[in-house]
Amino acid sequence: MFGKPSRRKVKRLESHGVRAVAEVLEIGDRGITVTSGNQRAFSSTEVLLKTRLRVEPEGEPSFEVEKRFRYGQLSAPPVGMRVNVIFDPDNHGEVILDHSGSEGVPNNGALGGLLSSLQEAGAESRAASA
């Protein structure tokens, strides 16, 4: 419901789908906010955003898919970011985000990328002043 794949679909894709890396080509700047669970908890709110991805499966031609995905409030990926996905090899329109990080591409969204950049900059600054 509201961009969240059913448990059945997730289970089917996790066991029979193909894992790949995808590049975010376009992402909506406005979407629907969906809150589940405690409405006061920041972590229980997600944003449903229209996203266009170029999926790049290993050993196969890349393809594009456009659909709505749910992201944490502060973890929507920026254009150009690479994310992990799982897709149905028989129906490329069936794509879910892979939160396991199994392809080696961090799937921690924009906030995680920003925090990593800040940590690296801090480490470089400390090394330069030492």
Protein backbone atom coordinates (compact mmCIF):
# COMPACT_ATOMS: atom_id res chain seq x y z
CA MET A 1 0.00 0.00 0.00
CA PHE A 2 1.23 3.49 -0.88
CA GLY A 3 4.39 2.32 -2.64
CA LYS A 4 5.26 -0.39 -0.18
CA PRO A 5 5.57 -3.79 -1.86
CA SER A 6 3.60 -6.63 -0.33
CA ARG A 7 5.43 -9.12 1.88
CA ARG A 8 4.70 -11.79 -0.72
CA LYS A 9 6.35 -9.75 -3.48
CA VAL A 10 9.37 -8.94 -1.31
CA LYS A 11 9.83 -12.58 -0.34
CA ARG A 12 9.47 -13.73 -3.97
CA LEU A 13 11.96 -11.17 -5.29
CA GLU A 14 14.45 -11.80 -2.48
CA SER A 15 14.48 -15.52 -3.26
CA HIS A 16 14.10 -15.52 -7.07
CA GLY A 17 14.99 -11.99 -8.20
CA VAL A 18 18.25 -10.61 -9.51
CA ARG A 19 20.27 -8.18 -7.40
CA ALA A 20 21.77 -5.21 -9.20
CA VAL A 21 22.98 -1.67 -8.77
CA ALA A 22 20.86 1.18 -10.13
CA GLU A 23 21.60 4.84 -10.69
CA VAL A 24 19.00 7.41 -9.68
CA LEU A 25 18.25 9.38 -12.85
CA GLU A 26 15.36 11.44 -11.55
CA ILE A 27 13.52 11.79 -8.27
CA GLY A 28 10.46 13.80 -7.39
CA ASP A 29 10.85 16.76 -5.08
CA ARG A 30 7.34 16.36 -3.69
CA GLY A 31 5.60 13.24 -2.56
CA ILE A 32 3.20 11.71 -0.11
CA THR A 33 4.20 11.40 3.52
CA VAL A 34 3.25 8.06 5.06
CA THR A 35 3.39 7.45 8.80
CA SER A 36 3.08 4.00 10.29
CA GLY A 37 3.27 3.15 13.96
CA ASN A 38 3.95 5.88 16.46
CA GLN A 39 3.09 9.19 14.79
CA ARG A 40 5.42 11.07 17.11
CA ALA A 41 8.43 8.94 16.19
CA PHE A 42 10.46 10.54 13.42
CA SER A 43 11.65 7.14 12.17
CA SER A 44 8.13 5.90 11.45
CA THR A 45 7.53 8.51 8.74
CA GLU A 46 8.46 7.83 5.12
CA VAL A 47 8.07 9.81 1.91
CA LEU A 48 6.68 8.23 -1.25
CA LEU A 49 8.55 9.70 -4.24
CA LYS A 50 8.35 9.06 -7.95
CA THR A 51 11.78 7.79 -8.98
CA ARG A 52 13.39 6.91 -12.31
CA LEU A 53 16.26 4.42 -12.10
CA ARG A 54 18.68 2.94 -14.59
CA VAL A 55 19.18 -0.64 -13.43
CA GLU A 56 22.57 -2.07 -14.42
CA PRO A 57 22.50 -5.86 -14.02
CA GLU A 58 25.80 -7.66 -14.32
CA GLY A 59 26.18 -9.34 -17.72
CA GLU A 60 22.91 -7.91 -19.08
CA PRO A 61 21.91 -4.68 -20.81
CA SER A 62 20.80 -1.89 -18.49
CA PHE A 63 17.17 -0.79 -18.42
CA GLU A 64 15.17 2.05 -16.94
CA VAL A 65 12.21 1.83 -14.61
CA GLU A 66 10.01 4.56 -13.17
CA LYS A 67 7.92 3.95 -10.08
CA ARG A 68 7.18 5.25 -6.61
CA PHE A 69 9.43 4.12 -3.79
CA ARG A 70 9.28 4.81 -0.06
CA TYR A 71 12.25 6.51 1.57
CA GLY A 72 12.92 7.64 5.13
CA GLN A 73 12.22 11.35 5.64
CA LEU A 74 15.88 12.29 5.35
CA SER A 75 17.16 9.41 3.23
CA ALA A 76 15.81 10.02 -0.27
CA PRO A 77 18.74 9.52 -2.64
CA PRO A 78 19.92 12.42 -4.77
CA VAL A 79 20.17 12.19 -8.57
CA GLY A 80 23.34 10.33 -9.48
CA MET A 81 23.43 8.18 -6.36
CA ARG A 82 23.72 4.44 -6.85
CA VAL A 83 21.33 2.21 -4.90
CA ASN A 84 20.85 -1.53 -4.61
CA VAL A 85 17.75 -3.10 -6.14
CA ILE A 86 16.24 -6.51 -6.75
CA PHE A 87 14.26 -7.06 -9.94
CA ASP A 88 12.25 -9.82 -11.57
CA PRO A 89 14.24 -11.06 -14.60
CA ASP A 90 10.97 -11.88 -16.40
CA ASN A 91 9.33 -8.52 -15.66
CA HIS A 92 11.74 -5.60 -15.33
CA GLY A 93 8.90 -3.42 -14.01
CA GLU A 94 8.95 -5.43 -10.77
CA VAL A 95 11.72 -3.70 -8.82
CA ILE A 96 12.23 -3.19 -5.10
CA LEU A 97 14.96 -1.42 -3.19
CA ASP A 98 17.45 -3.85 -1.65
CA HIS A 99 18.19 -2.68 1.88
CA SER A 100 20.61 -5.52 2.59
CA GLY A 101 23.50 -3.71 0.88
CA SER A 102 24.64 -7.00 -0.65
CA GLU A 103 26.18 -5.43 -3.77
CA GLY A 104 28.60 -3.35 -1.75
CA VAL A 105 26.88 -0.04 -2.48
CA PRO A 106 25.72 1.56 0.75
CA ASN A 107 21.97 2.01 0.80
CA ASN A 108 21.88 4.55 3.59
CA GLY A 109 20.44 7.41 1.54
CA ALA A 110 21.33 11.06 1.37
CA LEU A 111 21.71 11.58 5.11
CA GLY A 112 24.14 8.68 5.41
CA GLY A 113 26.14 10.03 2.47
CA LEU A 114 26.26 13.48 4.05
CA LEU A 115 27.38 12.06 7.39
CA SER A 116 30.11 10.01 5.67
CA SER A 117 31.34 13.11 3.84
CA LEU A 118 31.43 15.11 7.07
CA GLN A 119 33.33 12.34 8.85
CA GLU A 120 35.89 12.16 6.03
CA ALA A 121 36.32 15.94 6.00
CA GLY A 122 36.82 15.94 9.78
CA ALA A 123 39.43 13.18 9.55
CA GLU A 124 41.29 15.06 6.78
CA SER A 125 41.19 18.27 8.81
CA ARG A 126 42.58 16.54 11.91
CA ALA A 127 45.32 14.87 9.85
CA ALA A 128 46.32 18.19 8.25
CA SER A 129 46.56 19.99 11.61
CA ALA A 130 48.59 17.21 13.25
